[in-house]
PDB file of all heavy atoms in Angstrom:
ATOM      1  N   LEU A   1     -18.252  13.249 -37.122  1.00  0.00           N
ATOM      2  CA  LEU A   1     -18.559  11.866 -37.493  1.00  0.00           C
ATOM      3  C   LEU A   1     -19.203  11.782 -38.870  1.00  0.00           C
ATOM      4  O   LEU A   1     -18.988  10.809 -39.597  1.00  0.00           O
ATOM      5  CB  LEU A   1     -19.455  11.214 -36.441  1.00  0.00           C
ATOM      6  CG  LEU A   1     -18.824  11.013 -35.071  1.00  0.00           C
ATOM      7  CD1 LEU A   1     -19.829  10.382 -34.112  1.00  0.00           C
ATOM      8  CD2 LEU A   1     -17.552  10.187 -35.140  1.00  0.00           C
ATOM      9  N   ARG A   2     -19.967  12.790 -39.237  1.00  0.00           N
ATOM     10  CA  ARG A   2     -20.570  12.810 -40.573  1.00  0.00           C
ATOM     11  C   ARG A   2     -19.518  12.985 -41.663  1.00  0.00           C
ATOM     12  O   ARG A   2     -19.656  12.418 -42.750  1.00  0.00           O
ATOM     13  CB  ARG A   2     -21.581  13.957 -40.682  1.00  0.00           C
ATOM     14  CG  ARG A   2     -22.905  13.705 -40.005  1.00  0.00           C
ATOM     15  CD  ARG A   2     -23.804  14.921 -40.123  1.00  0.00           C
ATOM     16  NE  ARG A   2     -25.156  14.657 -39.655  1.00  0.00           N
ATOM     17  CZ  ARG A   2     -26.083  15.593 -39.547  1.00  0.00           C
ATOM     18  NH1 ARG A   2     -25.822  16.846 -39.876  1.00  0.00           N
ATOM     19  NH2 ARG A   2     -27.283  15.266 -39.107  1.00  0.00           N
ATOM     20  N   SER A   3     -18.490  13.768 -41.400  1.00  0.00           N
ATOM     21  CA  SER A   3     -17.549  14.154 -42.458  1.00  0.00           C
ATOM     22  C   SER A   3     -16.237  13.385 -42.466  1.00  0.00           C
ATOM     23  O   SER A   3     -15.530  13.408 -43.467  1.00  0.00           O
ATOM     24  CB  SER A   3     -17.243  15.654 -42.347  1.00  0.00           C
ATOM     25  OG  SER A   3     -16.546  15.928 -41.134  1.00  0.00           O
ATOM     26  N   ASP A   4     -15.896  12.692 -41.395  1.00  0.00           N
ATOM     27  CA  ASP A   4     -14.577  12.060 -41.274  1.00  0.00           C
ATOM     28  C   ASP A   4     -14.742  10.556 -41.057  1.00  0.00           C
ATOM     29  O   ASP A   4     -15.053  10.108 -39.952  1.00  0.00           O
ATOM     30  CB  ASP A   4     -13.816  12.713 -40.118  1.00  0.00           C
ATOM     31  CG  ASP A   4     -12.395  12.209 -39.963  1.00  0.00           C
ATOM     32  OD1 ASP A   4     -12.104  11.040 -40.314  1.00  0.00           O
ATOM     33  OD2 ASP A   4     -11.563  12.988 -39.460  1.00  0.00           O
ATOM     34  N   SER A   5     -14.527   9.777 -42.113  1.00  0.00           N
ATOM     35  CA  SER A   5     -14.730   8.327 -42.013  1.00  0.00           C
ATOM     36  C   SER A   5     -13.764   7.679 -41.026  1.00  0.00           C
ATOM     37  O   SER A   5     -14.110   6.693 -40.377  1.00  0.00           O
ATOM     38  CB  SER A   5     -14.612   7.671 -43.389  1.00  0.00           C
ATOM     39  OG  SER A   5     -13.316   7.873 -43.922  1.00  0.00           O
ATOM     40  N   GLY A   6     -12.559   8.225 -40.883  1.00  0.00           N
ATOM     41  CA  GLY A   6     -11.607   7.690 -39.910  1.00  0.00           C
ATOM     42  C   GLY A   6     -12.089   7.887 -38.481  1.00  0.00           C
ATOM     43  O   GLY A   6     -12.008   6.968 -37.650  1.00  0.00           O
ATOM     44  N   ALA A   7     -12.581   9.079 -38.183  1.00  0.00           N
ATOM     45  CA  ALA A   7     -13.127   9.352 -36.847  1.00  0.00           C
ATOM     46  C   ALA A   7     -14.339   8.469 -36.591  1.00  0.00           C
ATOM     47  O   ALA A   7     -14.511   7.920 -35.491  1.00  0.00           O
ATOM     48  CB  ALA A   7     -13.502  10.828 -36.724  1.00  0.00           C
ATOM     49  N   ARG A   8     -15.177   8.317 -37.605  1.00  0.00           N
ATOM     50  CA  ARG A   8     -16.370   7.474 -37.481  1.00  0.00           C
ATOM     51  C   ARG A   8     -15.970   6.030 -37.184  1.00  0.00           C
ATOM     52  O   ARG A   8     -16.557   5.375 -36.321  1.00  0.00           O
ATOM     53  CB  ARG A   8     -17.205   7.577 -38.762  1.00  0.00           C
ATOM     54  CG  ARG A   8     -18.575   7.005 -38.657  1.00  0.00           C
ATOM     55  CD  ARG A   8     -19.479   7.402 -39.822  1.00  0.00           C
ATOM     56  NE  ARG A   8     -18.915   7.170 -41.131  1.00  0.00           N
ATOM     57  CZ  ARG A   8     -18.542   8.133 -41.985  1.00  0.00           C
ATOM     58  NH1 ARG A   8     -18.680   9.401 -41.689  1.00  0.00           N
ATOM     59  NH2 ARG A   8     -18.031   7.823 -43.164  1.00  0.00           N
ATOM     60  N   ALA A   9     -14.949   5.516 -37.857  1.00  0.00           N
ATOM     61  CA  ALA A   9     -14.503   4.135 -37.640  1.00  0.00           C
ATOM     62  C   ALA A   9     -13.924   3.958 -36.233  1.00  0.00           C
ATOM     63  O   ALA A   9     -14.194   2.947 -35.568  1.00  0.00           O
ATOM     64  CB  ALA A   9     -13.464   3.752 -38.692  1.00  0.00           C
ATOM     65  N   ARG A  10     -13.135   4.928 -35.768  1.00  0.00           N
ATOM     66  CA  ARG A  10     -12.571   4.862 -34.408  1.00  0.00           C
ATOM     67  C   ARG A  10     -13.696   4.842 -33.372  1.00  0.00           C
ATOM     68  O   ARG A  10     -13.671   4.059 -32.423  1.00  0.00           O
ATOM     69  CB  ARG A  10     -11.644   6.046 -34.148  1.00  0.00           C
ATOM     70  CG  ARG A  10     -10.325   5.969 -34.895  1.00  0.00           C
ATOM     71  CD  ARG A  10      -9.457   7.192 -34.670  1.00  0.00           C
ATOM     72  NE  ARG A  10      -9.168   7.414 -33.250  1.00  0.00           N
ATOM     73  CZ  ARG A  10      -8.786   8.591 -32.764  1.00  0.00           C
ATOM     74  NH1 ARG A  10      -8.647   9.644 -33.548  1.00  0.00           N
ATOM     75  NH2 ARG A  10      -8.529   8.719 -31.478  1.00  0.00           N
ATOM     76  N   TYR A  11     -14.662   5.714 -33.563  1.00  0.00           N
ATOM     77  CA  TYR A  11     -15.780   5.803 -32.632  1.00  0.00           C
ATOM     78  C   TYR A  11     -16.601   4.513 -32.650  1.00  0.00           C
ATOM     79  O   TYR A  11     -16.959   3.980 -31.587  1.00  0.00           O
ATOM     80  CB  TYR A  11     -16.647   7.015 -32.979  1.00  0.00           C
ATOM     81  CG  TYR A  11     -17.800   7.226 -32.049  1.00  0.00           C
ATOM     82  CD1 TYR A  11     -17.604   7.482 -30.692  1.00  0.00           C
ATOM     83  CD2 TYR A  11     -19.108   7.171 -32.514  1.00  0.00           C
ATOM     84  CE1 TYR A  11     -18.670   7.681 -29.832  1.00  0.00           C
ATOM     85  CE2 TYR A  11     -20.179   7.374 -31.660  1.00  0.00           C
ATOM     86  CZ  TYR A  11     -19.955   7.624 -30.313  1.00  0.00           C
ATOM     87  OH  TYR A  11     -21.022   7.818 -29.477  1.00  0.00           O
ATOM     88  N   LEU A  12     -16.877   3.991 -33.831  1.00  0.00           N
ATOM     89  CA  LEU A  12     -17.667   2.764 -33.945  1.00  0.00           C
ATOM     90  C   LEU A  12     -16.972   1.592 -33.250  1.00  0.00           C
ATOM     91  O   LEU A  12     -17.630   0.784 -32.586  1.00  0.00           O
ATOM     92  CB  LEU A  12     -17.941   2.431 -35.411  1.00  0.00           C
ATOM     93  CG  LEU A  12     -18.742   1.152 -35.655  1.00  0.00           C
ATOM     94  CD1 LEU A  12     -20.079   1.170 -34.921  1.00  0.00           C
ATOM     95  CD2 LEU A  12     -18.949   0.946 -37.156  1.00  0.00           C
ATOM     96  N   SER A  13     -15.671   1.495 -33.372  1.00  0.00           N
ATOM     97  CA  SER A  13     -14.934   0.425 -32.717  1.00  0.00           C
ATOM     98  C   SER A  13     -15.137   0.467 -31.202  1.00  0.00           C
ATOM     99  O   SER A  13     -15.405  -0.561 -30.562  1.00  0.00           O
ATOM    100  CB  SER A  13     -13.450   0.538 -33.060  1.00  0.00           C
ATOM    101  OG  SER A  13     -12.711  -0.443 -32.370  1.00  0.00           O
ATOM    102  N   VAL A  14     -15.043   1.653 -30.629  1.00  0.00           N
ATOM    103  CA  VAL A  14     -15.243   1.810 -29.185  1.00  0.00           C
ATOM    104  C   VAL A  14     -16.709   1.547 -28.823  1.00  0.00           C
ATOM    105  O   VAL A  14     -16.996   0.908 -27.812  1.00  0.00           O
ATOM    106  CB  VAL A  14     -14.777   3.206 -28.725  1.00  0.00           C
ATOM    107  CG1 VAL A  14     -15.150   3.466 -27.272  1.00  0.00           C
ATOM    108  CG2 VAL A  14     -13.272   3.348 -28.929  1.00  0.00           C
ATOM    109  N   LYS A  15     -17.640   2.044 -29.639  1.00  0.00           N
ATOM    110  CA  LYS A  15     -19.071   1.817 -29.392  1.00  0.00           C
ATOM    111  C   LYS A  15     -19.383   0.325 -29.339  1.00  0.00           C
ATOM    112  O   LYS A  15     -20.112  -0.131 -28.457  1.00  0.00           O
ATOM    113  CB  LYS A  15     -19.921   2.414 -30.531  1.00  0.00           C
ATOM    114  CG  LYS A  15     -20.268   3.835 -30.424  1.00  0.00           C
ATOM    115  CD  LYS A  15     -20.993   4.309 -31.670  1.00  0.00           C
ATOM    116  CE  LYS A  15     -22.294   3.630 -31.906  1.00  0.00           C
ATOM    117  NZ  LYS A  15     -23.460   4.394 -31.534  1.00  0.00           N
ATOM    118  N   ARG A  16     -18.860  -0.417 -30.298  1.00  0.00           N
ATOM    119  CA  ARG A  16     -19.152  -1.857 -30.347  1.00  0.00           C
ATOM    120  C   ARG A  16     -18.592  -2.572 -29.114  1.00  0.00           C
ATOM    121  O   ARG A  16     -19.268  -3.425 -28.535  1.00  0.00           O
ATOM    122  CB  ARG A  16     -18.586  -2.458 -31.627  1.00  0.00           C
ATOM    123  CG  ARG A  16     -19.454  -2.132 -32.825  1.00  0.00           C
ATOM    124  CD  ARG A  16     -19.037  -2.899 -34.064  1.00  0.00           C
ATOM    125  NE  ARG A  16     -20.054  -2.759 -35.090  1.00  0.00           N
ATOM    126  CZ  ARG A  16     -19.802  -2.573 -36.361  1.00  0.00           C
ATOM    127  NH1 ARG A  16     -18.553  -2.507 -36.810  1.00  0.00           N
ATOM    128  NH2 ARG A  16     -20.796  -2.460 -37.223  1.00  0.00           N
ATOM    129  N   ALA A  17     -17.385  -2.224 -28.717  1.00  0.00           N
ATOM    130  CA  ALA A  17     -16.797  -2.840 -27.523  1.00  0.00           C
ATOM    131  C   ALA A  17     -17.593  -2.466 -26.275  1.00  0.00           C
ATOM    132  O   ALA A  17     -17.855  -3.317 -25.418  1.00  0.00           O
ATOM    133  CB  ALA A  17     -15.333  -2.417 -27.378  1.00  0.00           C
ATOM    134  N   ALA A  18     -17.989  -1.214 -26.180  1.00  0.00           N
ATOM    135  CA  ALA A  18     -18.769  -0.762 -25.021  1.00  0.00           C
ATOM    136  C   ALA A  18     -20.120  -1.467 -24.972  1.00  0.00           C
ATOM    137  O   ALA A  18     -20.556  -1.911 -23.902  1.00  0.00           O
ATOM    138  CB  ALA A  18     -18.951   0.750 -25.071  1.00  0.00           C
ATOM    139  N   ALA A  19     -20.786  -1.578 -26.101  1.00  0.00           N
ATOM    140  CA  ALA A  19     -22.095  -2.241 -26.145  1.00  0.00           C
ATOM    141  C   ALA A  19     -21.970  -3.724 -25.784  1.00  0.00           C
ATOM    142  O   ALA A  19     -22.858  -4.285 -25.128  1.00  0.00           O
ATOM    143  CB  ALA A  19     -22.732  -2.087 -27.520  1.00  0.00           C
ATOM    144  N   ALA A  20     -20.874  -4.353 -26.183  1.00  0.00           N
ATOM    145  CA  ALA A  20     -20.688  -5.778 -25.912  1.00  0.00           C
ATOM    146  C   ALA A  20     -20.473  -6.052 -24.430  1.00  0.00           C
ATOM    147  O   ALA A  20     -20.872  -7.116 -23.935  1.00  0.00           O
ATOM    148  CB  ALA A  20     -19.502  -6.307 -26.711  1.00  0.00           C
ATOM    149  N   ASP A  21     -19.871  -5.104 -23.718  1.00  0.00           N
ATOM    150  CA  ASP A  21     -19.486  -5.344 -22.326  1.00  0.00           C
ATOM    151  C   ASP A  21     -20.314  -4.608 -21.286  1.00  0.00           C
ATOM    152  O   ASP A  21     -20.352  -5.025 -20.131  1.00  0.00           O
ATOM    153  CB  ASP A  21     -18.016  -4.951 -22.120  1.00  0.00           C
ATOM    154  CG  ASP A  21     -17.067  -5.823 -22.922  1.00  0.00           C
ATOM    155  OD1 ASP A  21     -17.431  -6.965 -23.236  1.00  0.00           O
ATOM    156  OD2 ASP A  21     -15.968  -5.341 -23.239  1.00  0.00           O
ATOM    157  N   ALA A  22     -20.929  -3.508 -21.650  1.00  0.00           N
ATOM    158  CA  ALA A  22     -21.612  -2.675 -20.660  1.00  0.00           C
ATOM    159  C   ALA A  22     -22.851  -3.365 -20.106  1.00  0.00           C
ATOM    160  O   ALA A  22     -23.549  -4.081 -20.819  1.00  0.00           O
ATOM    161  CB  ALA A  22     -21.990  -1.335 -21.286  1.00  0.00           C
ATOM    162  N   THR A  23     -23.121  -3.120 -18.843  1.00  0.00           N
ATOM    163  CA  THR A  23     -24.298  -3.693 -18.204  1.00  0.00           C
ATOM    164  C   THR A  23     -25.481  -2.726 -18.199  1.00  0.00           C
ATOM    165  O   THR A  23     -26.543  -3.060 -17.712  1.00  0.00           O
ATOM    166  CB  THR A  23     -23.993  -4.106 -16.751  1.00  0.00           C
ATOM    167  OG1 THR A  23     -23.520  -2.967 -16.050  1.00  0.00           O
ATOM    168  CG2 THR A  23     -22.967  -5.219 -16.730  1.00  0.00           C
ATOM    169  N   GLY A  24     -25.295  -1.550 -18.724  1.00  0.00           N
ATOM    170  CA  GLY A  24     -26.383  -0.575 -18.787  1.00  0.00           C
ATOM    171  C   GLY A  24     -25.938   0.669 -19.526  1.00  0.00           C
ATOM    172  O   GLY A  24     -24.782   0.803 -19.919  1.00  0.00           O
ATOM    173  N   TRP A  25     -26.884   1.595 -19.698  1.00  0.00           N
ATOM    174  CA  TRP A  25     -26.613   2.798 -20.481  1.00  0.00           C
ATOM    175  C   TRP A  25     -25.551   3.676 -19.854  1.00  0.00           C
ATOM    176  O   TRP A  25     -24.729   4.265 -20.555  1.00  0.00           O
ATOM    177  CB  TRP A  25     -27.906   3.582 -20.672  1.00  0.00           C
ATOM    178  CG  TRP A  25     -28.773   3.009 -21.722  1.00  0.00           C
ATOM    179  CD1 TRP A  25     -29.107   1.697 -21.898  1.00  0.00           C
ATOM    180  CD2 TRP A  25     -29.412   3.726 -22.758  1.00  0.00           C
ATOM    181  NE1 TRP A  25     -29.930   1.573 -22.980  1.00  0.00           N
ATOM    182  CE2 TRP A  25     -30.139   2.809 -23.516  1.00  0.00           C
ATOM    183  CE3 TRP A  25     -29.458   5.063 -23.101  1.00  0.00           C
ATOM    184  CZ2 TRP A  25     -30.888   3.172 -24.616  1.00  0.00           C
ATOM    185  CZ3 TRP A  25     -30.219   5.436 -24.187  1.00  0.00           C
ATOM    186  CH2 TRP A  25     -30.911   4.496 -24.934  1.00  0.00           C
ATOM    187  N   GLY A  26     -25.569   3.812 -18.547  1.00  0.00           N
ATOM    188  CA  GLY A  26     -24.571   4.652 -17.886  1.00  0.00           C
ATOM    189  C   GLY A  26     -23.167   4.139 -18.125  1.00  0.00           C
ATOM    190  O   GLY A  26     -22.256   4.912 -18.449  1.00  0.00           O
ATOM    191  N   GLU A  27     -22.989   2.844 -17.988  1.00  0.00           N
ATOM    192  CA  GLU A  27     -21.672   2.252 -18.221  1.00  0.00           C
ATOM    193  C   GLU A  27     -21.283   2.358 -19.695  1.00  0.00           C
ATOM    194  O   GLU A  27     -20.130   2.647 -20.025  1.00  0.00           O
ATOM    195  CB  GLU A  27     -21.671   0.788 -17.778  1.00  0.00           C
ATOM    196  CG  GLU A  27     -20.305   0.136 -17.891  1.00  0.00           C
ATOM    197  CD  GLU A  27     -20.310  -1.316 -17.449  1.00  0.00           C
ATOM    198  OE1 GLU A  27     -21.281  -1.775 -16.806  1.00  0.00           O
ATOM    199  OE2 GLU A  27     -19.322  -2.000 -17.766  1.00  0.00           O
ATOM    200  N   TYR A  28     -22.228   2.140 -20.581  1.00  0.00           N
ATOM    201  CA  TYR A  28     -21.980   2.271 -22.025  1.00  0.00           C
ATOM    202  C   TYR A  28     -21.486   3.681 -22.352  1.00  0.00           C
ATOM    203  O   TYR A  28     -20.478   3.855 -23.037  1.00  0.00           O
ATOM    204  CB  TYR A  28     -23.266   1.944 -22.782  1.00  0.00           C
ATOM    205  CG  TYR A  28     -23.242   2.255 -24.257  1.00  0.00           C
ATOM    206  CD1 TYR A  28     -22.545   1.438 -25.151  1.00  0.00           C
ATOM    207  CD2 TYR A  28     -23.931   3.352 -24.764  1.00  0.00           C
ATOM    208  CE1 TYR A  28     -22.541   1.707 -26.509  1.00  0.00           C
ATOM    209  CE2 TYR A  28     -23.939   3.624 -26.123  1.00  0.00           C
ATOM    210  CZ  TYR A  28     -23.235   2.809 -26.989  1.00  0.00           C
ATOM    211  OH  TYR A  28     -23.228   3.080 -28.337  1.00  0.00           O
ATOM    212  N   THR A  29     -22.172   4.680 -21.827  1.00  0.00           N
ATOM    213  CA  THR A  29     -21.779   6.068 -22.072  1.00  0.00           C
ATOM    214  C   THR A  29     -20.404   6.352 -21.484  1.00  0.00           C
ATOM    215  O   THR A  29     -19.563   6.989 -22.136  1.00  0.00           O
ATOM    216  CB  THR A  29     -22.836   7.023 -21.483  1.00  0.00           C
ATOM    217  OG1 THR A  29     -24.094   6.751 -22.123  1.00  0.00           O
ATOM    218  CG2 THR A  29     -22.464   8.471 -21.690  1.00  0.00           C
ATOM    219  N   ALA A  30     -20.150   5.873 -20.284  1.00  0.00           N
ATOM    220  CA  ALA A  30     -18.855   6.095 -19.638  1.00  0.00           C
ATOM    221  C   ALA A  30     -17.715   5.462 -20.435  1.00  0.00           C
ATOM    222  O   ALA A  30     -16.633   6.052 -20.562  1.00  0.00           O
ATOM    223  CB  ALA A  30     -18.880   5.543 -18.213  1.00  0.00           C
ATOM    224  N   ARG A  31     -17.956   4.299 -21.007  1.00  0.00           N
ATOM    225  CA  ARG A  31     -16.908   3.612 -21.767  1.00  0.00           C
ATOM    226  C   ARG A  31     -16.581   4.326 -23.080  1.00  0.00           C
ATOM    227  O   ARG A  31     -15.518   4.112 -23.651  1.00  0.00           O
ATOM    228  CB  ARG A  31     -17.308   2.167 -22.045  1.00  0.00           C
ATOM    229  CG  ARG A  31     -17.225   1.319 -20.800  1.00  0.00           C
ATOM    230  CD  ARG A  31     -17.642  -0.097 -21.093  1.00  0.00           C
ATOM    231  NE  ARG A  31     -17.564  -0.890 -19.885  1.00  0.00           N
ATOM    232  CZ  ARG A  31     -17.071  -2.112 -19.848  1.00  0.00           C
ATOM    233  NH1 ARG A  31     -16.611  -2.680 -20.946  1.00  0.00           N
ATOM    234  NH2 ARG A  31     -17.046  -2.773 -18.715  1.00  0.00           N
ATOM    235  N   LYS A  32     -17.489   5.159 -23.562  1.00  0.00           N
ATOM    236  CA  LYS A  32     -17.236   5.924 -24.796  1.00  0.00           C
ATOM    237  C   LYS A  32     -16.632   7.299 -24.517  1.00  0.00           C
ATOM    238  O   LYS A  32     -16.192   7.971 -25.441  1.00  0.00           O
ATOM    239  CB  LYS A  32     -18.540   6.110 -25.582  1.00  0.00           C
ATOM    240  CG  LYS A  32     -19.173   4.841 -26.074  1.00  0.00           C
ATOM    241  CD  LYS A  32     -20.394   5.118 -26.927  1.00  0.00           C
ATOM    242  CE  LYS A  32     -21.345   6.053 -26.233  1.00  0.00           C
ATOM    243  NZ  LYS A  32     -22.459   6.497 -27.068  1.00  0.00           N
ATOM    244  N   ALA A  33     -16.603   7.711 -23.274  1.00  0.00           N
ATOM    245  CA  ALA A  33     -16.182   9.075 -22.934  1.00  0.00           C
ATOM    246  C   ALA A  33     -14.771   9.398 -23.431  1.00  0.00           C
ATOM    247  O   ALA A  33     -14.524  10.500 -23.924  1.00  0.00           O
ATOM    248  CB  ALA A  33     -16.280   9.302 -21.428  1.00  0.00           C
ATOM    249  N   GLY A  34     -13.856   8.462 -23.326  1.00  0.00           N
ATOM    250  CA  GLY A  34     -12.475   8.712 -23.738  1.00  0.00           C
ATOM    251  C   GLY A  34     -12.351   9.020 -25.226  1.00  0.00           C
ATOM    252  O   GLY A  34     -11.655   9.970 -25.614  1.00  0.00           O
ATOM    253  N   ILE A  35     -13.020   8.257 -26.069  1.00  0.00           N
ATOM    254  CA  ILE A  35     -12.931   8.498 -27.513  1.00  0.00           C
ATOM    255  C   ILE A  35     -13.650   9.787 -27.886  1.00  0.00           C
ATOM    256  O   ILE A  35     -13.198  10.533 -28.759  1.00  0.00           O
ATOM    257  CB  ILE A  35     -13.443   7.295 -28.353  1.00  0.00           C
ATOM    258  CG1 ILE A  35     -13.141   7.482 -29.840  1.00  0.00           C
ATOM    259  CG2 ILE A  35     -14.930   7.069 -28.156  1.00  0.00           C
ATOM    260  CD1 ILE A  35     -11.674   7.520 -30.188  1.00  0.00           C
ATOM    261  N   VAL A  36     -14.754  10.081 -27.214  1.00  0.00           N
ATOM    262  CA  VAL A  36     -15.453  11.336 -27.484  1.00  0.00           C
ATOM    263  C   VAL A  36     -14.533  12.507 -27.150  1.00  0.00           C
ATOM    264  O   VAL A  36     -14.377  13.438 -27.942  1.00  0.00           O
ATOM    265  CB  VAL A  36     -16.783  11.418 -26.703  1.00  0.00           C
ATOM    266  CG1 VAL A  36     -17.400  12.807 -26.811  1.00  0.00           C
ATOM    267  CG2 VAL A  36     -17.757  10.349 -27.199  1.00  0.00           C
ATOM    268  N   THR A  37     -13.885  12.459 -25.987  1.00  0.00           N
ATOM    269  CA  THR A  37     -12.965  13.527 -25.579  1.00  0.00           C
ATOM    270  C   THR A  37     -11.809  13.651 -26.567  1.00  0.00           C
ATOM    271  O   THR A  37     -11.444  14.758 -26.972  1.00  0.00           O
ATOM    272  CB  THR A  37     -12.429  13.256 -24.163  1.00  0.00           C
ATOM    273  OG1 THR A  37     -13.543  13.237 -23.261  1.00  0.00           O
ATOM    274  CG2 THR A  37     -11.431  14.316 -23.736  1.00  0.00           C
TER     275      THR A  37
END
């Protein structure tokens, strides 16, 4: 994420969607799991 702006942008897009919809930290983390993998 530090070195690849494209990867950072993909991750941020998923993070923002997860934060907007998640009801808690566990759900937020679970919603990001696919992009992390």
